[in-house]
């Protein structure tokens, strides 16, 4: 019963609709009525700018970290690593589900990537750092958050299966499931990327201006 209550609490934490509350409180609008219509950090970057997009992303990551760390409330999981990892995966997935289908926002949320990353941070920080490196590199080169998220999720599976060679079967299955889930939830983004209509986030604008000036000078 304790496990069930904590998983329910993890879902409630994940259901906190950060982008919706931010857009309503500071801008008087619902972020889901603009851009891609998604209640996540990417659409917040696109519609409200990098400052608010960063705030929303950090909050969504913290949701995953906090929810996944709820295992500490049950002493048993402090001693058994195998069961602890499995329970942390369950807590994290409950938070991601809450982010995608938030009870506080009519069950219309985001895609759960940032919350999912927070879950990975709590379970295996080394892998999380590697995924961040992939995400930031792709973002720097392309300014597509969607593409960065997709490639980082694929990298996550590669790191777990081959680089870190994680032995726990459930965690290996989870890594593959994450990559597939991110790809499936980004189908519209993938179509826009292929068509060349995907929006770029408003970061690195000074770099782009320098490139434009150099191009004009030539």
N, C-alpha and C. Protein backbone atom coordinates (compact mmCIF):
# COMPACT_ATOMS: atom_id res chain seq x y z
N UNK A 1 0.83 -1.20 0.00
CA UNK A 1 0.00 0.00 0.00
C UNK A 1 0.87 1.25 0.00
N UNK A 2 1.97 1.22 0.77
CA UNK A 2 2.86 2.38 0.80
C UNK A 2 3.42 2.68 -0.58
N UNK A 3 3.78 1.62 -1.31
CA UNK A 3 4.31 1.79 -2.66
C UNK A 3 3.25 2.42 -3.57
N UNK A 4 2.02 1.95 -3.45
CA UNK A 4 0.94 2.50 -4.29
C UNK A 4 0.73 3.98 -4.01
N UNK A 5 0.73 4.36 -2.74
CA UNK A 5 0.53 5.77 -2.38
C UNK A 5 1.67 6.64 -2.91
N UNK A 6 2.90 6.12 -2.85
CA UNK A 6 4.04 6.90 -3.34
C UNK A 6 3.99 7.04 -4.86
N UNK A 7 3.58 5.99 -5.55
CA UNK A 7 3.45 6.08 -7.01
C UNK A 7 2.35 7.09 -7.37
N UNK A 8 1.27 7.09 -6.60
CA UNK A 8 0.20 8.06 -6.82
C UNK A 8 0.71 9.48 -6.57
N UNK A 9 1.51 9.64 -5.52
CA UNK A 9 2.08 10.95 -5.21
C UNK A 9 3.05 11.38 -6.31
N UNK A 10 3.81 10.42 -6.86
CA UNK A 10 4.74 10.73 -7.95
C UNK A 10 3.96 11.23 -9.17
N UNK A 11 2.80 10.61 -9.43
CA UNK A 11 1.96 11.06 -10.54
C UNK A 11 1.47 12.49 -10.30
N UNK A 12 1.09 12.79 -9.07
CA UNK A 12 0.61 14.13 -8.73
C UNK A 12 1.73 15.16 -8.92
N UNK A 13 2.95 14.80 -8.50
CA UNK A 13 4.09 15.71 -8.70
C UNK A 13 4.30 15.96 -10.19
N UNK A 14 4.25 14.89 -10.97
CA UNK A 14 4.42 15.03 -12.42
C UNK A 14 3.32 15.83 -13.06
N UNK A 15 2.14 15.86 -12.42
CA UNK A 15 0.99 16.56 -12.98
C UNK A 15 1.06 18.08 -12.82
N UNK A 16 2.04 18.57 -12.07
CA UNK A 16 2.16 20.03 -11.92
C UNK A 16 2.46 20.63 -13.29
N UNK A 17 1.52 21.37 -13.88
CA UNK A 17 1.69 21.87 -15.25
C UNK A 17 2.48 23.18 -15.28
N UNK A 18 3.77 23.07 -15.14
CA UNK A 18 4.63 24.25 -14.99
C UNK A 18 4.41 25.29 -16.07
N UNK A 19 4.45 24.86 -17.33
CA UNK A 19 4.33 25.82 -18.44
C UNK A 19 2.95 26.48 -18.47
N UNK A 20 1.92 25.72 -18.14
CA UNK A 20 0.56 26.27 -18.15
C UNK A 20 0.42 27.32 -17.05
N UNK A 21 0.90 27.00 -15.86
CA UNK A 21 0.80 27.94 -14.76
C UNK A 21 1.63 29.19 -15.01
N UNK A 22 2.83 29.02 -15.56
CA UNK A 22 3.70 30.17 -15.86
C UNK A 22 3.05 31.07 -16.90
N UNK A 23 2.55 30.48 -17.98
CA UNK A 23 1.95 31.28 -19.05
C UNK A 23 0.70 32.02 -18.57
N UNK A 24 -0.08 31.37 -17.72
CA UNK A 24 -1.30 32.01 -17.22
C UNK A 24 -0.96 33.11 -16.20
N UNK A 25 -0.01 32.81 -15.31
CA UNK A 25 0.31 33.75 -14.23
C UNK A 25 1.01 35.00 -14.74
N UNK A 26 1.97 34.84 -15.64
CA UNK A 26 2.79 35.98 -16.05
C UNK A 26 2.40 36.59 -17.40
N UNK A 27 1.63 35.84 -18.21
CA UNK A 27 1.28 36.35 -19.53
C UNK A 27 -0.22 36.38 -19.79
N UNK A 28 -0.99 35.80 -18.89
CA UNK A 28 -2.44 35.81 -19.05
C UNK A 28 -2.94 34.97 -20.21
N UNK A 29 -2.16 33.98 -20.64
CA UNK A 29 -2.57 33.11 -21.74
C UNK A 29 -2.32 31.65 -21.35
N UNK A 30 -2.85 30.75 -22.15
CA UNK A 30 -2.59 29.33 -21.98
C UNK A 30 -1.60 28.91 -23.06
N UNK A 31 -0.43 28.44 -22.66
CA UNK A 31 0.63 28.09 -23.60
C UNK A 31 0.15 27.09 -24.65
N UNK A 32 -0.87 26.30 -24.30
CA UNK A 32 -1.37 25.28 -25.22
C UNK A 32 -2.17 25.85 -26.38
N UNK A 33 -2.47 27.15 -26.31
CA UNK A 33 -3.19 27.81 -27.41
C UNK A 33 -2.23 28.41 -28.44
N UNK A 34 -0.94 28.23 -28.24
CA UNK A 34 0.06 28.85 -29.12
C UNK A 34 1.13 27.84 -29.54
N UNK A 35 1.85 28.20 -30.59
CA UNK A 35 2.94 27.35 -31.05
C UNK A 35 2.45 25.97 -31.45
N UNK A 36 3.09 24.95 -30.89
CA UNK A 36 2.74 23.57 -31.21
C UNK A 36 1.53 23.09 -30.42
N UNK A 37 1.09 23.91 -29.44
CA UNK A 37 -0.04 23.51 -28.61
C UNK A 37 0.36 22.56 -27.50
N UNK A 38 1.66 22.41 -27.33
CA UNK A 38 2.20 21.47 -26.34
C UNK A 38 2.54 22.19 -25.04
N UNK A 39 2.24 21.57 -23.91
CA UNK A 39 2.51 22.19 -22.61
C UNK A 39 3.86 21.72 -22.06
N UNK A 40 4.91 22.00 -22.82
CA UNK A 40 6.24 21.59 -22.40
C UNK A 40 7.25 22.70 -22.55
N UNK A 41 8.49 22.39 -22.18
CA UNK A 41 9.55 23.40 -22.21
C UNK A 41 9.86 23.86 -23.64
N UNK A 42 9.81 22.95 -24.60
CA UNK A 42 10.13 23.32 -25.98
C UNK A 42 9.19 24.39 -26.50
N UNK A 43 7.90 24.18 -26.30
CA UNK A 43 6.93 25.17 -26.77
C UNK A 43 7.03 26.46 -25.97
N UNK A 44 7.42 26.36 -24.72
CA UNK A 44 7.62 27.56 -23.91
C UNK A 44 8.78 28.38 -24.45
N UNK A 45 9.88 27.70 -24.82
CA UNK A 45 11.01 28.38 -25.47
C UNK A 45 10.53 29.10 -26.72
N UNK A 46 9.73 28.40 -27.48
CA UNK A 46 9.29 28.92 -28.78
C UNK A 46 8.36 30.12 -28.61
N UNK A 47 7.46 30.07 -27.66
CA UNK A 47 6.42 31.09 -27.52
C UNK A 47 6.81 32.20 -26.55
N UNK A 48 7.38 31.83 -25.40
CA UNK A 48 7.67 32.81 -24.35
C UNK A 48 9.13 33.23 -24.27
N UNK A 49 10.01 32.54 -25.00
CA UNK A 49 11.42 32.93 -24.99
C UNK A 49 12.29 32.03 -24.13
N UNK A 50 13.60 32.21 -24.25
CA UNK A 50 14.56 31.32 -23.60
C UNK A 50 14.51 31.40 -22.08
N UNK A 51 14.27 32.61 -21.53
CA UNK A 51 14.23 32.76 -20.07
C UNK A 51 13.16 31.86 -19.46
N UNK A 52 11.93 31.99 -19.94
CA UNK A 52 10.84 31.22 -19.38
C UNK A 52 10.92 29.76 -19.80
N UNK A 53 11.45 29.51 -20.98
CA UNK A 53 11.64 28.13 -21.40
C UNK A 53 12.61 27.41 -20.49
N UNK A 54 13.69 28.10 -20.10
CA UNK A 54 14.68 27.50 -19.20
C UNK A 54 14.08 27.24 -17.82
N UNK A 55 13.30 28.19 -17.32
CA UNK A 55 12.65 28.03 -16.01
C UNK A 55 11.72 26.81 -16.02
N UNK A 56 10.92 26.70 -17.07
CA UNK A 56 9.99 25.58 -17.18
C UNK A 56 10.75 24.26 -17.29
N UNK A 57 11.82 24.24 -18.07
CA UNK A 57 12.60 23.02 -18.23
C UNK A 57 13.20 22.57 -16.91
N UNK A 58 13.78 23.51 -16.16
CA UNK A 58 14.37 23.17 -14.87
C UNK A 58 13.32 22.62 -13.91
N UNK A 59 12.16 23.27 -13.87
CA UNK A 59 11.08 22.81 -12.99
C UNK A 59 10.60 21.41 -13.38
N UNK A 60 10.48 21.17 -14.68
CA UNK A 60 10.02 19.85 -15.14
C UNK A 60 11.06 18.77 -14.84
N UNK A 61 12.33 19.11 -14.94
CA UNK A 61 13.39 18.16 -14.57
C UNK A 61 13.32 17.84 -13.08
N UNK A 62 13.15 18.88 -12.27
CA UNK A 62 13.07 18.69 -10.82
C UNK A 62 11.88 17.83 -10.43
N UNK A 63 10.79 17.92 -11.20
CA UNK A 63 9.64 17.05 -10.94
C UNK A 63 10.06 15.58 -11.03
N UNK A 64 10.82 15.27 -12.07
CA UNK A 64 11.28 13.89 -12.24
C UNK A 64 12.22 13.45 -11.15
N UNK A 65 13.14 14.34 -10.76
CA UNK A 65 14.11 14.01 -9.70
C UNK A 65 13.38 13.77 -8.38
N UNK A 66 12.49 14.69 -8.02
CA UNK A 66 11.77 14.60 -6.75
C UNK A 66 10.89 13.35 -6.70
N UNK A 67 10.12 13.12 -7.75
CA UNK A 67 9.21 11.98 -7.76
C UNK A 67 9.98 10.66 -7.67
N UNK A 68 11.07 10.55 -8.42
CA UNK A 68 11.85 9.32 -8.44
C UNK A 68 12.55 9.07 -7.11
N UNK A 69 12.83 10.14 -6.37
CA UNK A 69 13.54 10.02 -5.09
C UNK A 69 12.61 9.70 -3.93
N UNK A 70 11.33 9.55 -4.18
CA UNK A 70 10.39 9.25 -3.10
C UNK A 70 10.66 7.89 -2.46
N UNK A 71 11.45 7.05 -3.11
CA UNK A 71 11.76 5.72 -2.55
C UNK A 71 12.38 5.83 -1.17
N UNK A 72 13.03 6.95 -0.86
CA UNK A 72 13.72 7.10 0.43
C UNK A 72 12.73 7.08 1.60
N UNK A 73 11.44 7.23 1.31
CA UNK A 73 10.44 7.22 2.38
C UNK A 73 10.12 5.80 2.86
N UNK A 74 10.62 4.81 2.13
CA UNK A 74 10.45 3.42 2.55
C UNK A 74 11.84 2.84 2.83
N UNK A 75 12.20 2.61 4.10
CA UNK A 75 13.56 2.17 4.47
C UNK A 75 14.06 0.93 3.73
N UNK A 76 13.16 0.02 3.38
CA UNK A 76 13.58 -1.21 2.71
C UNK A 76 14.37 -0.94 1.44
N UNK A 77 13.94 0.06 0.68
CA UNK A 77 14.57 0.33 -0.61
C UNK A 77 15.94 0.99 -0.47
N UNK A 78 16.29 1.41 0.73
CA UNK A 78 17.61 1.98 0.96
C UNK A 78 18.67 0.88 1.00
N UNK A 79 18.23 -0.36 1.21
CA UNK A 79 19.16 -1.47 1.41
C UNK A 79 19.26 -2.41 0.21
N UNK A 80 18.21 -2.52 -0.58
CA UNK A 80 18.19 -3.45 -1.70
C UNK A 80 18.30 -2.69 -3.02
N UNK A 81 19.47 -2.76 -3.67
CA UNK A 81 19.71 -1.98 -4.88
C UNK A 81 18.82 -2.41 -6.04
N UNK A 82 18.63 -3.71 -6.21
CA UNK A 82 17.82 -4.22 -7.32
C UNK A 82 16.38 -3.70 -7.22
N UNK A 83 15.76 -3.95 -6.07
CA UNK A 83 14.38 -3.50 -5.89
C UNK A 83 14.28 -1.98 -5.90
N UNK A 84 15.30 -1.30 -5.38
CA UNK A 84 15.29 0.17 -5.36
C UNK A 84 15.25 0.72 -6.78
N UNK A 85 16.09 0.19 -7.66
CA UNK A 85 16.12 0.67 -9.04
C UNK A 85 14.78 0.44 -9.73
N UNK A 86 14.22 -0.76 -9.51
CA UNK A 86 12.93 -1.07 -10.13
C UNK A 86 11.83 -0.13 -9.62
N UNK A 87 11.85 0.14 -8.31
CA UNK A 87 10.83 1.03 -7.74
C UNK A 87 11.03 2.45 -8.22
N UNK A 88 12.29 2.88 -8.36
CA UNK A 88 12.57 4.22 -8.86
C UNK A 88 12.07 4.38 -10.29
N UNK A 89 12.22 3.34 -11.09
CA UNK A 89 11.70 3.37 -12.47
C UNK A 89 10.19 3.55 -12.44
N UNK A 90 9.51 2.82 -11.55
CA UNK A 90 8.07 2.94 -11.43
C UNK A 90 7.64 4.33 -11.00
N UNK A 91 8.34 4.91 -10.03
CA UNK A 91 8.03 6.26 -9.56
C UNK A 91 8.25 7.28 -10.68
N UNK A 92 9.38 7.13 -11.37
CA UNK A 92 9.70 8.07 -12.45
C UNK A 92 8.69 8.02 -13.57
N UNK A 93 8.28 6.81 -13.94
CA UNK A 93 7.30 6.67 -15.01
C UNK A 93 5.95 7.25 -14.61
N UNK A 94 5.61 7.14 -13.32
CA UNK A 94 4.36 7.74 -12.84
C UNK A 94 4.41 9.26 -12.99
N UNK A 95 5.58 9.84 -12.70
CA UNK A 95 5.74 11.29 -12.85
C UNK A 95 5.65 11.70 -14.32
N UNK A 96 6.29 10.93 -15.19
CA UNK A 96 6.23 11.22 -16.63
C UNK A 96 4.79 11.12 -17.12
N UNK A 97 4.08 10.11 -16.67
CA UNK A 97 2.67 9.96 -17.04
C UNK A 97 1.87 11.17 -16.57
N UNK A 98 2.20 11.64 -15.36
CA UNK A 98 1.52 12.83 -14.84
C UNK A 98 1.80 14.06 -15.68
N UNK A 99 3.03 14.17 -16.17
CA UNK A 99 3.37 15.32 -17.01
C UNK A 99 2.62 15.28 -18.34
N UNK A 100 2.50 14.09 -18.91
CA UNK A 100 1.82 13.94 -20.19
C UNK A 100 0.31 14.10 -20.03
N UNK A 101 -0.22 13.54 -18.94
CA UNK A 101 -1.67 13.62 -18.67
C UNK A 101 -1.89 14.23 -17.28
N UNK A 102 -1.66 15.54 -17.14
CA UNK A 102 -1.74 16.19 -15.82
C UNK A 102 -3.16 16.36 -15.31
N UNK A 103 -3.40 15.91 -14.10
CA UNK A 103 -4.72 16.02 -13.50
C UNK A 103 -5.09 17.47 -13.25
N UNK A 104 -4.09 18.35 -13.12
CA UNK A 104 -4.34 19.76 -12.84
C UNK A 104 -4.51 20.61 -14.10
N UNK A 105 -4.44 19.99 -15.27
CA UNK A 105 -4.55 20.75 -16.52
C UNK A 105 -5.35 19.99 -17.57
N UNK A 106 -6.46 19.41 -17.13
CA UNK A 106 -7.39 18.73 -18.05
C UNK A 106 -6.73 17.58 -18.81
N UNK A 107 -5.70 17.00 -18.22
CA UNK A 107 -5.01 15.84 -18.81
C UNK A 107 -4.39 16.15 -20.17
N UNK A 108 -4.06 17.42 -20.40
CA UNK A 108 -3.42 17.83 -21.65
C UNK A 108 -2.08 18.47 -21.31
N UNK A 109 -1.03 17.66 -21.31
CA UNK A 109 0.28 18.15 -20.89
C UNK A 109 1.32 18.15 -21.99
N UNK A 110 2.57 17.93 -21.58
CA UNK A 110 3.68 17.94 -22.52
C UNK A 110 4.08 16.53 -22.92
N UNK A 111 5.27 16.41 -23.46
CA UNK A 111 5.74 15.11 -23.95
C UNK A 111 6.58 14.35 -22.92
N UNK A 112 6.91 15.01 -21.82
CA UNK A 112 7.55 14.32 -20.71
C UNK A 112 9.05 14.14 -20.79
N UNK A 113 9.70 14.76 -21.77
CA UNK A 113 11.14 14.53 -21.94
C UNK A 113 11.95 15.08 -20.78
N UNK A 114 11.64 16.31 -20.36
CA UNK A 114 12.40 16.93 -19.26
C UNK A 114 12.18 16.15 -17.96
N UNK A 115 10.95 15.75 -17.68
CA UNK A 115 10.65 14.97 -16.48
C UNK A 115 11.32 13.61 -16.55
N UNK A 116 11.34 13.03 -17.72
CA UNK A 116 12.02 11.76 -17.94
C UNK A 116 13.51 11.90 -17.67
N UNK A 117 14.08 13.02 -18.10
CA UNK A 117 15.50 13.26 -17.84
C UNK A 117 15.76 13.38 -16.34
N UNK A 118 14.85 14.06 -15.62
CA UNK A 118 14.99 14.16 -14.18
C UNK A 118 14.99 12.80 -13.52
N UNK A 119 14.20 11.91 -14.04
CA UNK A 119 14.16 10.53 -13.56
C UNK A 119 15.52 9.85 -13.73
N UNK A 120 16.13 10.04 -14.90
CA UNK A 120 17.44 9.45 -15.18
C UNK A 120 18.50 10.05 -14.26
N UNK A 121 18.42 11.35 -14.00
CA UNK A 121 19.35 12.01 -13.10
C UNK A 121 19.31 11.34 -11.73
N UNK A 122 18.11 11.04 -11.25
CA UNK A 122 17.95 10.43 -9.93
C UNK A 122 18.46 8.99 -9.89
N UNK A 123 18.28 8.26 -10.99
CA UNK A 123 18.66 6.85 -11.00
C UNK A 123 20.13 6.65 -11.33
N UNK A 124 20.61 7.32 -12.37
CA UNK A 124 21.98 7.11 -12.83
C UNK A 124 22.57 8.42 -13.36
N UNK A 125 23.12 9.23 -12.48
CA UNK A 125 23.63 10.56 -12.86
C UNK A 125 24.67 10.55 -13.98
N UNK A 126 25.54 9.54 -14.01
CA UNK A 126 26.58 9.50 -15.04
C UNK A 126 25.98 9.42 -16.44
N UNK A 127 24.96 8.60 -16.59
CA UNK A 127 24.28 8.48 -17.88
C UNK A 127 23.59 9.79 -18.22
N UNK A 128 23.01 10.42 -17.20
CA UNK A 128 22.31 11.69 -17.41
C UNK A 128 23.26 12.75 -17.95
N UNK A 129 24.47 12.81 -17.40
CA UNK A 129 25.47 13.78 -17.86
C UNK A 129 25.81 13.54 -19.33
N UNK A 130 25.98 12.28 -19.70
CA UNK A 130 26.29 11.95 -21.09
C UNK A 130 25.14 12.36 -22.02
N UNK A 131 23.91 12.13 -21.58
CA UNK A 131 22.75 12.51 -22.40
C UNK A 131 22.64 14.02 -22.54
N UNK A 132 22.96 14.74 -21.47
CA UNK A 132 22.96 16.20 -21.53
C UNK A 132 23.98 16.68 -22.55
N UNK A 133 25.14 16.06 -22.57
CA UNK A 133 26.18 16.45 -23.52
C UNK A 133 25.69 16.28 -24.96
N UNK A 134 25.01 15.17 -25.23
CA UNK A 134 24.46 14.92 -26.56
C UNK A 134 23.39 15.97 -26.88
N UNK A 135 22.51 16.21 -25.93
CA UNK A 135 21.42 17.18 -26.12
C UNK A 135 21.97 18.57 -26.43
N UNK A 136 22.93 19.03 -25.62
CA UNK A 136 23.46 20.38 -25.79
C UNK A 136 24.24 20.52 -27.09
N UNK A 137 24.97 19.48 -27.47
CA UNK A 137 25.74 19.53 -28.72
C UNK A 137 24.80 19.67 -29.92
N UNK A 138 23.76 18.84 -29.94
CA UNK A 138 22.80 18.89 -31.05
C UNK A 138 22.06 20.23 -31.05
N UNK A 139 21.71 20.70 -29.84
CA UNK A 139 21.00 21.98 -29.74
C UNK A 139 21.88 23.12 -30.23
N UNK A 140 23.15 23.09 -29.88
CA UNK A 140 24.07 24.14 -30.32
C UNK A 140 24.22 24.15 -31.84
N UNK A 141 24.28 22.96 -32.41
CA UNK A 141 24.49 22.86 -33.86
C UNK A 141 23.23 23.14 -34.66
N UNK A 142 22.06 22.84 -34.10
CA UNK A 142 20.82 22.93 -34.90
C UNK A 142 19.77 23.89 -34.34
N UNK A 143 19.76 24.12 -33.04
CA UNK A 143 18.73 24.90 -32.34
C UNK A 143 17.35 24.25 -32.41
N UNK A 144 17.30 22.95 -32.70
CA UNK A 144 16.05 22.20 -32.68
C UNK A 144 15.98 21.41 -31.37
N UNK A 145 15.11 21.82 -30.46
CA UNK A 145 14.97 21.09 -29.20
C UNK A 145 14.42 19.69 -29.45
N UNK A 146 13.50 19.59 -30.39
CA UNK A 146 12.90 18.29 -30.70
C UNK A 146 13.96 17.30 -31.17
N UNK A 147 14.80 17.71 -32.10
CA UNK A 147 15.85 16.83 -32.60
C UNK A 147 16.85 16.49 -31.49
N UNK A 148 17.15 17.47 -30.65
CA UNK A 148 18.06 17.25 -29.54
C UNK A 148 17.50 16.20 -28.58
N UNK A 149 16.20 16.30 -28.31
CA UNK A 149 15.55 15.36 -27.40
C UNK A 149 15.54 13.95 -27.99
N UNK A 150 15.24 13.84 -29.26
CA UNK A 150 15.18 12.54 -29.92
C UNK A 150 16.55 11.85 -29.89
N UNK A 151 17.59 12.59 -30.29
CA UNK A 151 18.93 12.00 -30.33
C UNK A 151 19.45 11.69 -28.94
N UNK A 152 19.11 12.52 -27.95
CA UNK A 152 19.54 12.26 -26.58
C UNK A 152 18.86 11.00 -26.04
N UNK A 153 17.61 10.78 -26.40
CA UNK A 153 16.90 9.58 -25.94
C UNK A 153 17.49 8.32 -26.58
N UNK A 154 17.86 8.43 -27.85
CA UNK A 154 18.50 7.28 -28.52
C UNK A 154 19.87 7.03 -27.89
N UNK A 155 20.59 8.12 -27.58
CA UNK A 155 21.89 7.99 -26.92
C UNK A 155 21.74 7.33 -25.55
N UNK A 156 20.64 7.64 -24.85
CA UNK A 156 20.38 7.04 -23.54
C UNK A 156 20.34 5.52 -23.65
N UNK A 157 19.62 5.02 -24.65
CA UNK A 157 19.54 3.57 -24.85
C UNK A 157 20.91 2.99 -25.18
N UNK A 158 21.66 3.69 -26.01
CA UNK A 158 23.00 3.21 -26.39
C UNK A 158 23.92 3.17 -25.16
N UNK A 159 23.87 4.22 -24.35
CA UNK A 159 24.70 4.27 -23.14
C UNK A 159 24.37 3.12 -22.20
N UNK A 160 23.08 2.88 -21.97
CA UNK A 160 22.66 1.83 -21.04
C UNK A 160 23.00 0.44 -21.56
N UNK A 161 22.74 0.22 -22.84
CA UNK A 161 22.91 -1.12 -23.41
C UNK A 161 24.36 -1.48 -23.71
N UNK A 162 25.15 -0.50 -24.16
CA UNK A 162 26.48 -0.82 -24.66
C UNK A 162 27.63 -0.14 -23.91
N UNK A 163 27.52 1.15 -23.65
CA UNK A 163 28.64 1.87 -23.03
C UNK A 163 28.78 1.51 -21.54
N UNK A 164 27.69 1.70 -20.78
CA UNK A 164 27.72 1.37 -19.35
C UNK A 164 27.34 -0.09 -19.10
N UNK A 165 26.77 -0.73 -20.12
CA UNK A 165 26.44 -2.15 -20.07
C UNK A 165 25.67 -2.51 -18.80
N UNK A 166 24.58 -1.80 -18.56
CA UNK A 166 23.74 -2.04 -17.40
C UNK A 166 23.22 -3.48 -17.41
N UNK A 167 23.33 -4.17 -16.27
CA UNK A 167 22.98 -5.59 -16.20
C UNK A 167 21.50 -5.84 -15.92
N UNK A 168 20.83 -4.92 -15.24
CA UNK A 168 19.44 -5.16 -14.86
C UNK A 168 18.53 -5.15 -16.09
N UNK A 169 17.83 -6.26 -16.28
CA UNK A 169 16.99 -6.44 -17.47
C UNK A 169 15.91 -5.37 -17.57
N UNK A 170 15.27 -5.04 -16.45
CA UNK A 170 14.20 -4.05 -16.48
C UNK A 170 14.72 -2.69 -16.93
N UNK A 171 15.90 -2.33 -16.46
CA UNK A 171 16.47 -1.03 -16.81
C UNK A 171 16.85 -0.99 -18.29
N UNK A 172 17.36 -2.10 -18.81
CA UNK A 172 17.70 -2.17 -20.24
C UNK A 172 16.43 -2.05 -21.09
N UNK A 173 15.39 -2.74 -20.66
CA UNK A 173 14.11 -2.65 -21.37
C UNK A 173 13.58 -1.23 -21.30
N UNK A 174 13.71 -0.61 -20.14
CA UNK A 174 13.25 0.76 -19.94
C UNK A 174 13.97 1.72 -20.89
N UNK A 175 15.28 1.53 -21.04
CA UNK A 175 16.07 2.42 -21.90
C UNK A 175 15.58 2.37 -23.34
N UNK A 176 15.31 1.17 -23.82
CA UNK A 176 14.78 1.01 -25.19
C UNK A 176 13.39 1.62 -25.29
N UNK A 177 12.57 1.39 -24.26
CA UNK A 177 11.21 1.93 -24.26
C UNK A 177 11.22 3.45 -24.29
N UNK A 178 12.18 4.07 -23.58
CA UNK A 178 12.29 5.53 -23.55
C UNK A 178 12.57 6.06 -24.96
N UNK A 179 13.54 5.46 -25.63
CA UNK A 179 13.89 5.90 -26.97
C UNK A 179 12.68 5.79 -27.91
N UNK A 180 11.97 4.68 -27.83
CA UNK A 180 10.80 4.49 -28.69
C UNK A 180 9.69 5.47 -28.34
N UNK A 181 9.49 5.71 -27.03
CA UNK A 181 8.44 6.62 -26.61
C UNK A 181 8.70 8.05 -27.09
N UNK A 182 9.95 8.50 -26.96
CA UNK A 182 10.29 9.85 -27.40
C UNK A 182 10.12 9.99 -28.90
N UNK A 183 10.52 8.98 -29.64
CA UNK A 183 10.36 9.01 -31.09
C UNK A 183 8.87 9.06 -31.46
N UNK A 184 8.06 8.26 -30.80
CA UNK A 184 6.62 8.21 -31.10
C UNK A 184 5.92 9.52 -30.73
N UNK A 185 6.30 10.11 -29.59
CA UNK A 185 5.64 11.35 -29.18
C UNK A 185 6.13 12.56 -29.96
N UNK A 186 7.17 12.37 -30.78
CA UNK A 186 7.70 13.48 -31.58
C UNK A 186 7.45 13.28 -33.07
N UNK A 187 6.43 12.50 -33.41
CA UNK A 187 6.15 12.23 -34.82
C UNK A 187 5.86 13.51 -35.60
N UNK A 188 5.09 14.42 -35.02
CA UNK A 188 4.80 15.67 -35.71
C UNK A 188 6.06 16.50 -35.91
N UNK A 189 6.92 16.49 -34.88
CA UNK A 189 8.18 17.22 -34.99
C UNK A 189 9.07 16.62 -36.07
N UNK A 190 9.09 15.29 -36.13
CA UNK A 190 9.91 14.61 -37.14
C UNK A 190 9.42 14.97 -38.54
N UNK A 191 8.11 15.01 -38.72
CA UNK A 191 7.55 15.39 -40.02
C UNK A 191 7.93 16.82 -40.39
N UNK A 192 7.87 17.72 -39.39
CA UNK A 192 8.25 19.11 -39.66
C UNK A 192 9.74 19.23 -39.93
N UNK A 193 10.55 18.43 -39.25
CA UNK A 193 11.99 18.45 -39.51
C UNK A 193 12.28 18.00 -40.94
N UNK A 194 11.59 16.97 -41.38
CA UNK A 194 11.80 16.46 -42.73
C UNK A 194 11.33 17.47 -43.79
N UNK A 195 10.28 18.22 -43.45
CA UNK A 195 9.76 19.22 -44.38
C UNK A 195 10.50 20.56 -44.29
N UNK A 196 11.34 20.70 -43.26
CA UNK A 196 12.07 21.95 -43.07
C UNK A 196 11.24 23.06 -42.46
N UNK A 197 10.15 22.69 -41.77
CA UNK A 197 9.26 23.70 -41.19
C UNK A 197 9.31 23.73 -39.67
N UNK A 198 10.16 22.92 -39.06
CA UNK A 198 10.27 22.90 -37.60
C UNK A 198 10.87 24.21 -37.10
N UNK A 199 10.27 24.78 -36.06
CA UNK A 199 10.75 26.05 -35.51
C UNK A 199 11.99 25.84 -34.65
N UNK A 200 12.90 26.81 -34.71
CA UNK A 200 14.09 26.78 -33.88
C UNK A 200 13.84 27.60 -32.62
N UNK A 201 14.47 27.20 -31.52
CA UNK A 201 14.29 27.95 -30.29
C UNK A 201 15.13 29.22 -30.34
N UNK A 202 14.67 30.29 -29.67
CA UNK A 202 15.36 31.59 -29.74
C UNK A 202 16.60 31.66 -28.85
N UNK A 203 17.58 30.82 -29.11
CA UNK A 203 18.86 30.89 -28.41
C UNK A 203 19.97 31.01 -29.45
N UNK A 204 21.13 31.41 -28.98
CA UNK A 204 22.31 31.56 -29.87
C UNK A 204 22.03 32.56 -30.99
N UNK A 205 21.20 33.56 -30.69
CA UNK A 205 20.85 34.53 -31.73
C UNK A 205 22.07 35.36 -32.15
N UNK A 206 22.97 35.65 -31.21
CA UNK A 206 24.16 36.42 -31.55
C UNK A 206 25.06 35.65 -32.51
N UNK A 207 25.14 34.33 -32.31
CA UNK A 207 25.93 33.52 -33.23
C UNK A 207 25.34 33.59 -34.63
N UNK A 208 24.01 33.49 -34.73
CA UNK A 208 23.36 33.53 -36.03
C UNK A 208 23.53 34.89 -36.71
N UNK A 209 23.51 35.95 -35.89
CA UNK A 209 23.70 37.29 -36.46
C UNK A 209 25.10 37.46 -37.01
N UNK A 210 26.09 36.91 -36.30
CA UNK A 210 27.47 36.99 -36.79
C UNK A 210 27.62 36.26 -38.12
N UNK A 211 26.99 35.09 -38.20
CA UNK A 211 27.06 34.32 -39.44
C UNK A 211 26.40 35.09 -40.58
N UNK A 212 25.25 35.74 -40.25
CA UNK A 212 24.54 36.50 -41.28
C UNK A 212 25.37 37.68 -41.75
N UNK A 213 26.03 38.36 -40.80
CA UNK A 213 26.87 39.50 -41.18
C UNK A 213 28.04 39.07 -42.06
N UNK A 214 28.66 37.94 -41.69
CA UNK A 214 29.77 37.43 -42.48
C UNK A 214 29.30 37.06 -43.89
N UNK A 215 28.09 36.48 -43.95
CA UNK A 215 27.56 36.09 -45.26
C UNK A 215 27.30 37.31 -46.12
N UNK A 216 26.75 38.37 -45.48
CA UNK A 216 26.45 39.59 -46.21
C UNK A 216 27.74 40.31 -46.65
N UNK A 217 28.76 40.26 -45.80
CA UNK A 217 30.04 40.89 -46.12
C UNK A 217 30.70 40.22 -47.31
N UNK A 218 30.50 38.92 -47.39
CA UNK A 218 31.10 38.18 -48.52
C UNK A 218 30.31 38.40 -49.80
